[in-house]
């Protein structure tokens, strides 16, 4: 499960998935998808490697074709910068995590 929270602490969306399906909850609206890639394609316009993104939160891998990763772990929390140039559309993600 992945919760997308605004800077003010409001839950914007919740994504849940299994190897067989995915679900997006936005307020009272629930959408079902065949896969997490289909969900992220609908949500962002690009299929995201969500399992790899979640792994990037803790470590610097795994490698995903078409993506460049730069991560740092300062005392203020983890920062992950991920950029995809191919396939189009180009995409840039910045993930900021507070320290535990």
Protein backbone atom coordinates (compact mmCIF):
# COMPACT_ATOMS: atom_id res chain seq x y z
CA UNK A 1 0.00 0.00 0.00
CA UNK A 2 1.20 3.49 -0.84
CA UNK A 3 -0.45 6.61 0.57
CA UNK A 4 0.03 9.91 -1.22
CA UNK A 5 -0.17 12.71 1.33
CA UNK A 6 -0.15 16.46 0.73
CA UNK A 7 2.33 18.73 2.55
CA UNK A 8 -0.55 19.67 4.85
CA UNK A 9 -1.14 16.04 5.84
CA UNK A 10 -4.26 15.37 3.78
CA UNK A 11 -4.46 11.93 2.14
CA UNK A 12 -4.80 12.56 -1.60
CA UNK A 13 -4.86 8.93 -2.73
CA UNK A 14 -4.11 5.40 -1.59
CA UNK A 15 -2.81 2.73 -3.97
CA UNK A 16 -3.10 -0.94 -3.02
CA UNK A 17 -1.84 -3.83 -5.13
CA UNK A 18 -1.12 -7.51 -5.33
CA UNK A 19 0.63 -9.45 -8.11
CA UNK A 20 -2.85 -9.90 -9.68
CA UNK A 21 -4.56 -6.49 -9.45
CA UNK A 22 -4.41 -2.93 -8.12
CA UNK A 23 -6.83 -0.46 -6.61
CA UNK A 24 -6.77 3.33 -6.31
CA UNK A 25 -8.77 5.09 -3.60
CA UNK A 26 -9.31 8.83 -3.90
CA UNK A 27 -11.79 10.00 -1.28
CA UNK A 28 -14.97 7.98 -1.91
CA UNK A 29 -13.90 7.06 -5.45
CA UNK A 30 -12.46 3.54 -5.95
CA UNK A 31 -10.92 2.40 -9.24
CA UNK A 32 -9.77 -1.14 -10.03
CA UNK A 33 -6.87 -1.94 -12.39
CA UNK A 34 -5.32 -5.12 -13.79
CA UNK A 35 -1.85 -4.17 -12.46
CA UNK A 36 0.07 -1.53 -10.54
CA UNK A 37 1.62 -0.40 -13.83
CA UNK A 38 -1.87 0.25 -15.26
CA UNK A 39 -2.77 2.19 -12.11
CA UNK A 40 0.33 4.40 -12.26
CA UNK A 41 -0.17 4.93 -15.99
CA UNK A 42 -3.68 6.23 -15.33
CA UNK A 43 -2.58 8.32 -12.34
CA UNK A 44 0.61 9.89 -13.73
CA UNK A 45 0.56 9.33 -17.49
CA UNK A 46 3.49 6.88 -17.23
CA UNK A 47 3.80 3.32 -15.97
CA UNK A 48 6.05 3.55 -12.90
CA UNK A 49 8.28 0.75 -11.59
CA UNK A 50 6.60 0.96 -8.20
CA UNK A 51 8.24 -2.14 -6.64
CA UNK A 52 11.66 -0.71 -7.58
CA UNK A 53 10.68 2.75 -6.32
CA UNK A 54 9.78 1.27 -2.95
CA UNK A 55 13.13 -0.55 -2.84
CA UNK A 56 14.88 2.76 -3.63
CA UNK A 57 13.44 4.18 -0.41
CA UNK A 58 15.78 1.94 1.62
CA UNK A 59 18.71 1.24 -0.73
CA UNK A 60 20.19 2.43 -4.01
CA UNK A 61 18.89 -0.35 -6.27
CA UNK A 62 17.68 -2.24 -8.21
CA UNK A 63 18.54 -0.88 -11.64
CA UNK A 64 15.57 -0.24 -13.92
CA UNK A 65 16.14 0.22 -17.69
CA UNK A 66 15.54 3.82 -18.78
CA UNK A 67 15.77 5.21 -15.25
CA UNK A 68 18.59 7.13 -13.55
CA UNK A 69 18.67 7.11 -9.77
CA UNK A 70 20.41 9.41 -7.33
CA UNK A 71 19.76 8.88 -3.63
CA UNK A 72 21.17 10.45 -0.51
CA UNK A 73 20.63 9.77 3.16
CA UNK A 74 21.41 12.92 5.16
CA UNK A 75 20.42 13.13 8.83
CA UNK A 76 17.26 15.01 7.81
CA UNK A 77 15.88 11.91 6.01
CA UNK A 78 16.25 10.04 2.74
CA UNK A 79 16.02 11.78 -0.64
CA UNK A 80 15.54 9.83 -3.84
CA UNK A 81 15.74 11.51 -7.23
CA UNK A 82 14.61 9.30 -10.11
CA UNK A 83 14.56 10.38 -13.75
CA UNK A 84 13.28 8.54 -16.82
CA UNK A 85 14.12 9.72 -20.32
CA UNK A 86 12.84 6.71 -22.26
CA UNK A 87 10.25 5.68 -23.09
CA UNK A 88 8.45 8.98 -23.45
CA UNK A 89 6.96 10.80 -21.68
CA UNK A 90 10.04 11.83 -19.72
CA UNK A 91 9.42 11.72 -16.00
CA UNK A 92 11.14 12.99 -12.89
CA UNK A 93 10.28 11.92 -9.35
CA UNK A 94 11.56 13.31 -6.09
CA UNK A 95 10.80 11.33 -2.97
CA UNK A 96 11.52 12.83 0.44
CA UNK A 97 11.32 10.71 3.58
CA UNK A 98 11.44 11.97 7.13
CA UNK A 99 13.87 10.16 9.43
CA UNK A 100 12.32 7.42 11.58
